[in-house]
Amino acid sequence: MSNTPHTLGDEFPEQMEAIHALKAKSPEFAQVLTEYDEVNDKIHRAEARLDAISEEAEATLRRQRLALKDRIAAALERM
């Protein structure tokens, strides 16, 4: 796998101001951001071979990250 961190700044470089503003206004959005960071960190650790997890578990984490990213994008579109 790529072992490239998918930070929110990498994924939404043009929208970081909006992310910070929405995070301050919405505890629910802030929780989605926290979940994204947690899942992303787990994937990055697995890719770097710091944590041994199965391919199936890693694929599940990738799907979770994508779903969270979609939720973040949708929230930003509603702004």
Protein backbone atom coordinates (compact mmCIF):
# COMPACT_ATOMS: atom_id res chain seq x y z
CA MET A 1 0.00 0.00 0.00
CA SER A 2 0.99 3.64 -0.33
CA ASN A 3 1.86 4.56 3.30
CA THR A 4 0.85 8.15 2.51
CA PRO A 5 -1.02 9.91 5.30
CA HIS A 6 -4.41 11.17 4.18
CA THR A 7 -4.68 14.12 6.53
CA LEU A 8 -7.61 16.46 6.23
CA GLY A 9 -5.20 19.11 4.96
CA ASP A 10 -4.17 16.75 2.16
CA GLU A 11 -7.74 15.76 1.34
CA PHE A 12 -9.37 19.22 1.63
CA PRO A 13 -6.54 21.75 1.16
CA GLU A 14 -8.80 24.54 -0.07
CA GLN A 15 -11.37 24.05 2.68
CA MET A 16 -9.37 24.03 5.91
CA GLU A 17 -10.81 27.36 7.03
CA ALA A 18 -14.33 26.06 6.51
CA ILE A 19 -13.46 22.85 8.35
CA HIS A 20 -12.21 24.79 11.36
CA ALA A 21 -15.27 27.05 11.35
CA LEU A 22 -17.70 24.14 11.11
CA LYS A 23 -15.79 22.21 13.79
CA ALA A 24 -16.20 25.15 16.16
CA LYS A 25 -19.95 25.38 15.45
CA SER A 26 -20.88 21.71 15.38
CA PRO A 27 -19.93 19.11 18.00
CA GLU A 28 -21.25 16.41 15.65
CA PHE A 29 -18.92 17.55 12.86
CA ALA A 30 -16.05 17.74 15.34
CA GLN A 31 -16.74 14.11 16.27
CA VAL A 32 -16.63 13.06 12.60
CA LEU A 33 -13.25 14.78 12.29
CA THR A 34 -11.97 12.95 15.35
CA GLU A 35 -13.19 9.63 13.98
CA TYR A 36 -11.55 10.37 10.62
CA ASP A 37 -8.21 11.13 12.29
CA GLU A 38 -8.41 7.96 14.42
CA VAL A 39 -9.22 5.70 11.47
CA ASN A 40 -6.63 7.42 9.28
CA ASP A 41 -3.96 6.94 11.95
CA LYS A 42 -4.79 3.22 12.21
CA ILE A 43 -4.47 2.84 8.44
CA HIS A 44 -1.19 4.73 8.36
CA ARG A 45 0.23 2.59 11.19
CA ALA A 46 -0.84 -0.58 9.37
CA GLU A 47 0.73 0.62 6.10
CA ALA A 48 3.97 1.49 7.91
CA ARG A 49 3.92 -2.01 9.44
CA LEU A 50 3.87 -0.55 12.96
CA ASP A 51 0.66 -2.46 13.75
CA ALA A 52 -0.04 -5.89 12.33
CA ILE A 53 -3.62 -6.19 11.10
CA SER A 54 -5.22 -8.42 8.52
CA GLU A 55 -5.85 -7.27 4.97
CA GLU A 56 -9.56 -7.56 5.67
CA ALA A 57 -9.30 -5.30 8.72
CA GLU A 58 -7.28 -2.77 6.75
CA ALA A 59 -9.86 -2.82 3.94
CA THR A 60 -12.62 -2.23 6.50
CA LEU A 61 -10.71 0.74 7.89
CA ARG A 62 -10.29 2.14 4.38
CA ARG A 63 -14.04 1.90 3.78
CA GLN A 64 -14.67 3.65 7.10
CA ARG A 65 -12.25 6.42 6.16
CA LEU A 66 -13.97 6.89 2.81
CA ALA A 67 -17.40 7.06 4.45
CA LEU A 68 -16.14 9.64 6.95
CA LYS A 69 -14.53 11.64 4.15
CA ASP A 70 -17.86 11.60 2.30
CA ARG A 71 -19.62 12.88 5.44
CA ILE A 72 -17.06 15.68 5.78
CA ALA A 73 -17.46 16.66 2.12
CA ALA A 74 -21.24 16.64 2.41
CA ALA A 75 -21.14 18.86 5.50
CA LEU A 76 -18.84 21.30 3.72
CA GLU A 77 -21.17 21.44 0.72
CA ARG A 78 -24.08 22.38 3.01
CA MET A 79 -22.18 25.39 4.38
